[in-house]
Amino acid sequence: MNEYQIGGGLRLLTAVEKTEAFGEFLKTRMVRALETEDPTELHYLLAQLDDYYHYVWRYYRKLAQDRAERMNPGV
């Protein structure tokens, strides 16, 4: 069973690994939870999705600070 690790450092390799792991995690556990209509499992998976969402935003804020010259103010 694929597992998704909460947290992690804010660096490119960690972000890439976390994204790959989360994709696999969703392919297996999220699909199964939706197909079986399991509210407990779905609640757990939504919490994992929330963690991933916040992780990516934390990574974005770090990049915005560390690489401000690459920011596009028109977006």
PDB file of N, CA and C in Angstrom:
ATOM      1  N   MET A   1       0.851  -1.179   0.000  1.00  0.00           N
ATOM      2  CA  MET A   1       0.000   0.000   0.000  1.00  0.00           C
ATOM      3  C   MET A   1       0.891   1.233   0.000  1.00  0.00           C
ATOM      4  N   ASN A   2       0.627   2.170  -0.879  1.00  0.00           N
ATOM      5  CA  ASN A   2       1.406   3.394  -0.951  1.00  0.00           C
ATOM      6  C   ASN A   2       1.090   4.285   0.239  1.00  0.00           C
ATOM      7  N   GLU A   3       2.125   4.854   0.777  1.00  0.00           N
ATOM      8  CA  GLU A   3       1.953   5.775   1.896  1.00  0.00           C
ATOM      9  C   GLU A   3       2.483   7.140   1.501  1.00  0.00           C
ATOM     10  N   TYR A   4       1.874   8.143   2.043  1.00  0.00           N
ATOM     11  CA  TYR A   4       2.259   9.520   1.799  1.00  0.00           C
ATOM     12  C   TYR A   4       2.817  10.060   3.106  1.00  0.00           C
ATOM     13  N   GLN A   5       4.003  10.637   3.075  1.00  0.00           N
ATOM     14  CA  GLN A   5       4.644  11.136   4.286  1.00  0.00           C
ATOM     15  C   GLN A   5       4.304  12.611   4.487  1.00  0.00           C
ATOM     16  N   ILE A   6       3.730  12.906   5.638  1.00  0.00           N
ATOM     17  CA  ILE A   6       3.380  14.284   5.981  1.00  0.00           C
ATOM     18  C   ILE A   6       4.656  15.070   6.265  1.00  0.00           C
ATOM     19  N   GLY A   7       4.617  16.364   5.967  1.00  0.00           N
ATOM     20  CA  GLY A   7       5.739  17.245   6.274  1.00  0.00           C
ATOM     21  C   GLY A   7       6.875  17.088   5.286  1.00  0.00           C
ATOM     22  N   GLY A   8       8.068  17.443   5.733  1.00  0.00           N
ATOM     23  CA  GLY A   8       9.246  17.328   4.884  1.00  0.00           C
ATOM     24  C   GLY A   8       9.881  18.674   4.635  1.00  0.00           C
ATOM     25  N   GLY A   9      11.131  18.618   4.242  1.00  0.00           N
ATOM     26  CA  GLY A   9      11.883  19.838   3.982  1.00  0.00           C
ATOM     27  C   GLY A   9      11.381  20.568   2.750  1.00  0.00           C
ATOM     28  N   LEU A  10      11.643  21.856   2.719  1.00  0.00           N
ATOM     29  CA  LEU A  10      11.216  22.682   1.590  1.00  0.00           C
ATOM     30  C   LEU A  10      12.379  22.820   0.614  1.00  0.00           C
ATOM     31  N   ARG A  11      12.618  21.761  -0.139  1.00  0.00           N
ATOM     32  CA  ARG A  11      13.666  21.788  -1.156  1.00  0.00           C
ATOM     33  C   ARG A  11      13.142  21.051  -2.379  1.00  0.00           C
ATOM     34  N   LEU A  12      13.760  21.302  -3.502  1.00  0.00           N
ATOM     35  CA  LEU A  12      13.268  20.760  -4.768  1.00  0.00           C
ATOM     36  C   LEU A  12      13.140  19.242  -4.743  1.00  0.00           C
ATOM     37  N   LEU A  13      14.177  18.536  -4.311  1.00  0.00           N
ATOM     38  CA  LEU A  13      14.120  17.072  -4.323  1.00  0.00           C
ATOM     39  C   LEU A  13      12.972  16.563  -3.462  1.00  0.00           C
ATOM     40  N   THR A  14      12.789  17.141  -2.290  1.00  0.00           N
ATOM     41  CA  THR A  14      11.692  16.730  -1.422  1.00  0.00           C
ATOM     42  C   THR A  14      10.348  17.026  -2.083  1.00  0.00           C
ATOM     43  N   ALA A  15      10.224  18.190  -2.706  1.00  0.00           N
ATOM     44  CA  ALA A  15       8.963  18.558  -3.365  1.00  0.00           C
ATOM     45  C   ALA A  15       8.650  17.599  -4.509  1.00  0.00           C
ATOM     46  N   VAL A  16       9.661  17.223  -5.274  1.00  0.00           N
ATOM     47  CA  VAL A  16       9.447  16.293  -6.388  1.00  0.00           C
ATOM     48  C   VAL A  16       9.074  14.916  -5.848  1.00  0.00           C
ATOM     49  N   GLU A  17       9.811  14.433  -4.851  1.00  0.00           N
ATOM     50  CA  GLU A  17       9.504  13.131  -4.260  1.00  0.00           C
ATOM     51  C   GLU A  17       8.106  13.117  -3.663  1.00  0.00           C
ATOM     52  N   LYS A  18       7.744  14.192  -2.966  1.00  0.00           N
ATOM     53  CA  LYS A  18       6.434  14.282  -2.327  1.00  0.00           C
ATOM     54  C   LYS A  18       5.333  14.265  -3.394  1.00  0.00           C
ATOM     55  N   THR A  19       5.547  14.946  -4.498  1.00  0.00           N
ATOM     56  CA  THR A  19       4.557  14.993  -5.572  1.00  0.00           C
ATOM     57  C   THR A  19       4.391  13.621  -6.218  1.00  0.00           C
ATOM     58  N   GLU A  20       5.502  12.942  -6.474  1.00  0.00           N
ATOM     59  CA  GLU A  20       5.423  11.599  -7.058  1.00  0.00           C
ATOM     60  C   GLU A  20       4.716  10.639  -6.106  1.00  0.00           C
ATOM     61  N   ALA A  21       5.066  10.699  -4.830  1.00  0.00           N
ATOM     62  CA  ALA A  21       4.440   9.817  -3.838  1.00  0.00           C
ATOM     63  C   ALA A  21       2.953  10.118  -3.713  1.00  0.00           C
ATOM     64  N   PHE A  22       2.602  11.393  -3.746  1.00  0.00           N
ATOM     65  CA  PHE A  22       1.196  11.759  -3.603  1.00  0.00           C
ATOM     66  C   PHE A  22       0.383  11.303  -4.809  1.00  0.00           C
ATOM     67  N   GLY A  23       0.972  11.378  -5.998  1.00  0.00           N
ATOM     68  CA  GLY A  23       0.288  10.893  -7.198  1.00  0.00           C
ATOM     69  C   GLY A  23      -0.020   9.410  -7.099  1.00  0.00           C
ATOM     70  N   GLU A  24       0.961   8.630  -6.664  1.00  0.00           N
ATOM     71  CA  GLU A  24       0.750   7.194  -6.484  1.00  0.00           C
ATOM     72  C   GLU A  24      -0.272   6.923  -5.387  1.00  0.00           C
ATOM     73  N   PHE A  25      -0.175   7.678  -4.323  1.00  0.00           N
ATOM     74  CA  PHE A  25      -1.094   7.567  -3.195  1.00  0.00           C
ATOM     75  C   PHE A  25      -2.539   7.777  -3.666  1.00  0.00           C
ATOM     76  N   LEU A  26      -2.747   8.829  -4.458  1.00  0.00           N
ATOM     77  CA  LEU A  26      -4.098   9.109  -4.955  1.00  0.00           C
ATOM     78  C   LEU A  26      -4.592   8.021  -5.899  1.00  0.00           C
ATOM     79  N   LYS A  27      -3.701   7.499  -6.736  1.00  0.00           N
ATOM     80  CA  LYS A  27      -4.113   6.463  -7.687  1.00  0.00           C
ATOM     81  C   LYS A  27      -4.627   5.220  -6.976  1.00  0.00           C
ATOM     82  N   THR A  28      -4.078   4.916  -5.841  1.00  0.00           N
ATOM     83  CA  THR A  28      -4.499   3.692  -5.161  1.00  0.00           C
ATOM     84  C   THR A  28      -5.557   3.967  -4.104  1.00  0.00           C
ATOM     85  N   ARG A  29      -5.210   4.714  -3.102  1.00  0.00           N
ATOM     86  CA  ARG A  29      -6.112   4.842  -1.950  1.00  0.00           C
ATOM     87  C   ARG A  29      -7.321   5.726  -2.212  1.00  0.00           C
ATOM     88  N   MET A  30      -7.144   6.829  -2.924  1.00  0.00           N
ATOM     89  CA  MET A  30      -8.278   7.728  -3.157  1.00  0.00           C
ATOM     90  C   MET A  30      -9.308   7.053  -4.058  1.00  0.00           C
ATOM     91  N   VAL A  31      -8.859   6.413  -5.107  1.00  0.00           N
ATOM     92  CA  VAL A  31      -9.791   5.730  -6.013  1.00  0.00           C
ATOM     93  C   VAL A  31     -10.559   4.656  -5.253  1.00  0.00           C
ATOM     94  N   ARG A  32      -9.845   3.870  -4.462  1.00  0.00           N
ATOM     95  CA  ARG A  32     -10.503   2.801  -3.695  1.00  0.00           C
ATOM     96  C   ARG A  32     -11.508   3.385  -2.695  1.00  0.00           C
ATOM     97  N   ALA A  33     -11.146   4.476  -2.023  1.00  0.00           N
ATOM     98  CA  ALA A  33     -12.059   5.092  -1.051  1.00  0.00           C
ATOM     99  C   ALA A  33     -13.319   5.608  -1.741  1.00  0.00           C
ATOM    100  N   LEU A  34     -13.151   6.177  -2.918  1.00  0.00           N
ATOM    101  CA  LEU A  34     -14.318   6.676  -3.651  1.00  0.00           C
ATOM    102  C   LEU A  34     -15.187   5.528  -4.157  1.00  0.00           C
ATOM    103  N   GLU A  35     -14.553   4.486  -4.673  1.00  0.00           N
ATOM    104  CA  GLU A  35     -15.309   3.352  -5.196  1.00  0.00           C
ATOM    105  C   GLU A  35     -16.077   2.616  -4.097  1.00  0.00           C
ATOM    106  N   THR A  36     -15.475   2.507  -2.925  1.00  0.00           N
ATOM    107  CA  THR A  36     -16.133   1.790  -1.826  1.00  0.00           C
ATOM    108  C   THR A  36     -17.036   2.685  -0.995  1.00  0.00           C
ATOM    109  N   GLU A  37     -17.006   3.984  -1.303  1.00  0.00           N
ATOM    110  CA  GLU A  37     -17.814   4.970  -0.578  1.00  0.00           C
ATOM    111  C   GLU A  37     -17.562   4.881   0.927  1.00  0.00           C
ATOM    112  N   ASP A  38     -16.288   4.837   1.296  1.00  0.00           N
ATOM    113  CA  ASP A  38     -15.854   4.709   2.687  1.00  0.00           C
ATOM    114  C   ASP A  38     -15.601   6.099   3.274  1.00  0.00           C
ATOM    115  N   PRO A  39     -16.515   6.615   4.118  1.00  0.00           N
ATOM    116  CA  PRO A  39     -16.360   7.975   4.628  1.00  0.00           C
ATOM    117  C   PRO A  39     -15.151   8.145   5.549  1.00  0.00           C
ATOM    118  N   THR A  40     -14.794   7.129   6.310  1.00  0.00           N
ATOM    119  CA  THR A  40     -13.641   7.245   7.205  1.00  0.00           C
ATOM    120  C   THR A  40     -12.354   7.356   6.401  1.00  0.00           C
ATOM    121  N   GLU A  41     -12.194   6.497   5.424  1.00  0.00           N
ATOM    122  CA  GLU A  41     -11.001   6.540   4.576  1.00  0.00           C
ATOM    123  C   GLU A  41     -10.945   7.837   3.786  1.00  0.00           C
ATOM    124  N   LEU A  42     -12.075   8.280   3.289  1.00  0.00           N
ATOM    125  CA  LEU A  42     -12.120   9.529   2.532  1.00  0.00           C
ATOM    126  C   LEU A  42     -11.742  10.718   3.411  1.00  0.00           C
ATOM    127  N   HIS A  43     -12.192  10.716   4.648  1.00  0.00           N
ATOM    128  CA  HIS A  43     -11.827  11.784   5.587  1.00  0.00           C
ATOM    129  C   HIS A  43     -10.314  11.814   5.803  1.00  0.00           C
ATOM    130  N   TYR A  44      -9.716  10.644   5.992  1.00  0.00           N
ATOM    131  CA  TYR A  44      -8.266  10.540   6.156  1.00  0.00           C
ATOM    132  C   TYR A  44      -7.546  11.074   4.919  1.00  0.00           C
ATOM    133  N   LEU A  45      -8.026  10.687   3.760  1.00  0.00           N
ATOM    134  CA  LEU A  45      -7.381  11.113   2.523  1.00  0.00           C
ATOM    135  C   LEU A  45      -7.533  12.606   2.285  1.00  0.00           C
ATOM    136  N   LEU A  46      -8.649  13.167   2.670  1.00  0.00           N
ATOM    137  CA  LEU A  46      -8.819  14.614   2.560  1.00  0.00           C
ATOM    138  C   LEU A  46      -7.837  15.351   3.453  1.00  0.00           C
ATOM    139  N   ALA A  47      -7.550  14.800   4.620  1.00  0.00           N
ATOM    140  CA  ALA A  47      -6.540  15.397   5.501  1.00  0.00           C
ATOM    141  C   ALA A  47      -5.161  15.339   4.841  1.00  0.00           C
ATOM    142  N   GLN A  48      -4.859  14.238   4.149  1.00  0.00           N
ATOM    143  CA  GLN A  48      -3.586  14.125   3.438  1.00  0.00           C
ATOM    144  C   GLN A  48      -3.519  15.123   2.284  1.00  0.00           C
ATOM    145  N   LEU A  49      -4.627  15.298   1.594  1.00  0.00           N
ATOM    146  CA  LEU A  49      -4.697  16.270   0.506  1.00  0.00           C
ATOM    147  C   LEU A  49      -4.475  17.675   1.041  1.00  0.00           C
ATOM    148  N   ASP A  50      -5.053  17.979   2.176  1.00  0.00           N
ATOM    149  CA  ASP A  50      -4.864  19.275   2.812  1.00  0.00           C
ATOM    150  C   ASP A  50      -3.396  19.500   3.163  1.00  0.00           C
ATOM    151  N   ASP A  51      -2.734  18.466   3.684  1.00  0.00           N
ATOM    152  CA  ASP A  51      -1.316  18.573   4.008  1.00  0.00           C
ATOM    153  C   ASP A  51      -0.499  18.855   2.755  1.00  0.00           C
ATOM    154  N   TYR A  52      -0.787  18.142   1.676  1.00  0.00           N
ATOM    155  CA  TYR A  52      -0.047  18.341   0.426  1.00  0.00           C
ATOM    156  C   TYR A  52      -0.258  19.757  -0.092  1.00  0.00           C
ATOM    157  N   TYR A  53      -1.479  20.225  -0.060  1.00  0.00           N
ATOM    158  CA  TYR A  53      -1.825  21.584  -0.497  1.00  0.00           C
ATOM    159  C   TYR A  53      -1.002  22.616   0.276  1.00  0.00           C
ATOM    160  N   HIS A  54      -0.977  22.477   1.597  1.00  0.00           N
ATOM    161  CA  HIS A  54      -0.232  23.433   2.422  1.00  0.00           C
ATOM    162  C   HIS A  54       1.271  23.315   2.199  1.00  0.00           C
ATOM    163  N   TYR A  55       1.753  22.095   1.979  1.00  0.00           N
ATOM    164  CA  TYR A  55       3.175  21.907   1.698  1.00  0.00           C
ATOM    165  C   TYR A  55       3.569  22.657   0.428  1.00  0.00           C
ATOM    166  N   VAL A  56       2.795  22.514  -0.638  1.00  0.00           N
ATOM    167  CA  VAL A  56       3.121  23.165  -1.903  1.00  0.00           C
ATOM    168  C   VAL A  56       3.077  24.682  -1.752  1.00  0.00           C
ATOM    169  N   TRP A  57       2.118  25.200  -0.993  1.00  0.00           N
ATOM    170  CA  TRP A  57       2.075  26.648  -0.758  1.00  0.00           C
ATOM    171  C   TRP A  57       3.285  27.121   0.043  1.00  0.00           C
ATOM    172  N   ARG A  58       3.708  26.324   1.038  1.00  0.00           N
ATOM    173  CA  ARG A  58       4.918  26.690   1.795  1.00  0.00           C
ATOM    174  C   ARG A  58       6.125  26.695   0.861  1.00  0.00           C
ATOM    175  N   TYR A  59       6.209  25.725  -0.039  1.00  0.00           N
ATOM    176  CA  TYR A  59       7.314  25.666  -1.003  1.00  0.00           C
ATOM    177  C   TYR A  59       7.265  26.869  -1.938  1.00  0.00           C
ATOM    178  N   TYR A  60       6.084  27.220  -2.402  1.00  0.00           N
ATOM    179  CA  TYR A  60       5.921  28.391  -3.266  1.00  0.00           C
ATOM    180  C   TYR A  60       6.403  29.659  -2.559  1.00  0.00           C
ATOM    181  N   ARG A  61       5.989  29.851  -1.308  1.00  0.00           N
ATOM    182  CA  ARG A  61       6.404  31.053  -0.568  1.00  0.00           C
ATOM    183  C   ARG A  61       7.923  31.097  -0.396  1.00  0.00           C
ATOM    184  N   LYS A  62       8.529  29.940  -0.172  1.00  0.00           N
ATOM    185  CA  LYS A  62       9.986  29.872  -0.055  1.00  0.00           C
ATOM    186  C   LYS A  62      10.626  30.285  -1.373  1.00  0.00           C
ATOM    187  N   LEU A  63      10.131  29.738  -2.488  1.00  0.00           N
ATOM    188  CA  LEU A  63      10.678  30.108  -3.791  1.00  0.00           C
ATOM    189  C   LEU A  63      10.465  31.587  -4.098  1.00  0.00           C
ATOM    190  N   ALA A  64       9.297  32.096  -3.746  1.00  0.00           N
ATOM    191  CA  ALA A  64       9.001  33.506  -3.988  1.00  0.00           C
ATOM    192  C   ALA A  64       9.984  34.402  -3.232  1.00  0.00           C
ATOM    193  N   GLN A  65      10.384  33.961  -2.059  1.00  0.00           N
ATOM    194  CA  GLN A  65      11.342  34.735  -1.268  1.00  0.00           C
ATOM    195  C   GLN A  65      12.769  34.530  -1.784  1.00  0.00           C
ATOM    196  N   ASP A  66      13.142  33.275  -2.019  1.00  0.00           N
ATOM    197  CA  ASP A  66      14.516  32.960  -2.432  1.00  0.00           C
ATOM    198  C   ASP A  66      14.818  33.370  -3.872  1.00  0.00           C
ATOM    199  N   ARG A  67      13.800  33.382  -4.715  1.00  0.00           N
ATOM    200  CA  ARG A  67      14.019  33.663  -6.133  1.00  0.00           C
ATOM    201  C   ARG A  67      13.069  34.748  -6.620  1.00  0.00           C
ATOM    202  N   ALA A  68      13.019  35.830  -5.875  1.00  0.00           N
ATOM    203  CA  ALA A  68      12.090  36.927  -6.174  1.00  0.00           C
ATOM    204  C   ALA A  68      12.274  37.475  -7.590  1.00  0.00           C
ATOM    205  N   GLU A  69      13.492  37.390  -8.125  1.00  0.00           N
ATOM    206  CA  GLU A  69      13.743  37.913  -9.474  1.00  0.00           C
ATOM    207  C   GLU A  69      12.983  37.127 -10.538  1.00  0.00           C
ATOM    208  N   ARG A  70      12.527  35.937 -10.217  1.00  0.00           N
ATOM    209  CA  ARG A  70      11.793  35.113 -11.177  1.00  0.00           C
ATOM    210  C   ARG A  70      10.287  35.266 -11.052  1.00  0.00           C
ATOM    211  N   MET A  71       9.847  36.040 -10.088  1.00  0.00           N
ATOM    212  CA  MET A  71       8.410  36.231  -9.885  1.00  0.00           C
ATOM    213  C   MET A  71       7.830  37.042 -11.045  1.00  0.00           C
ATOM    214  N   ASN A  72       6.645  36.663 -11.464  1.00  0.00           N
ATOM    215  CA  ASN A  72       5.949  37.376 -12.534  1.00  0.00           C
ATOM    216  C   ASN A  72       4.774  38.120 -11.905  1.00  0.00           C
ATOM    217  N   PRO A  73       4.905  39.435 -11.742  1.00  0.00           N
ATOM    218  CA  PRO A  73       3.837  40.193 -11.068  1.00  0.00           C
ATOM    219  C   PRO A  73       2.527  40.217 -11.835  1.00  0.00           C
ATOM    220  N   GLY A  74       2.528  39.849 -13.115  1.00  0.00           N
ATOM    221  CA  GLY A  74       1.312  39.864 -13.920  1.00  0.00           C
ATOM    222  C   GLY A  74       0.444  38.635 -13.743  1.00  0.00           C
ATOM    223  N   VAL A  75       0.904  37.647 -12.955  1.00  0.00           N
ATOM    224  CA  VAL A  75       0.154  36.399 -12.787  1.00  0.00           C
ATOM    225  C   VAL A  75      -0.645  36.446 -11.524  1.00  0.00           C
TER     226      VAL A  75
END
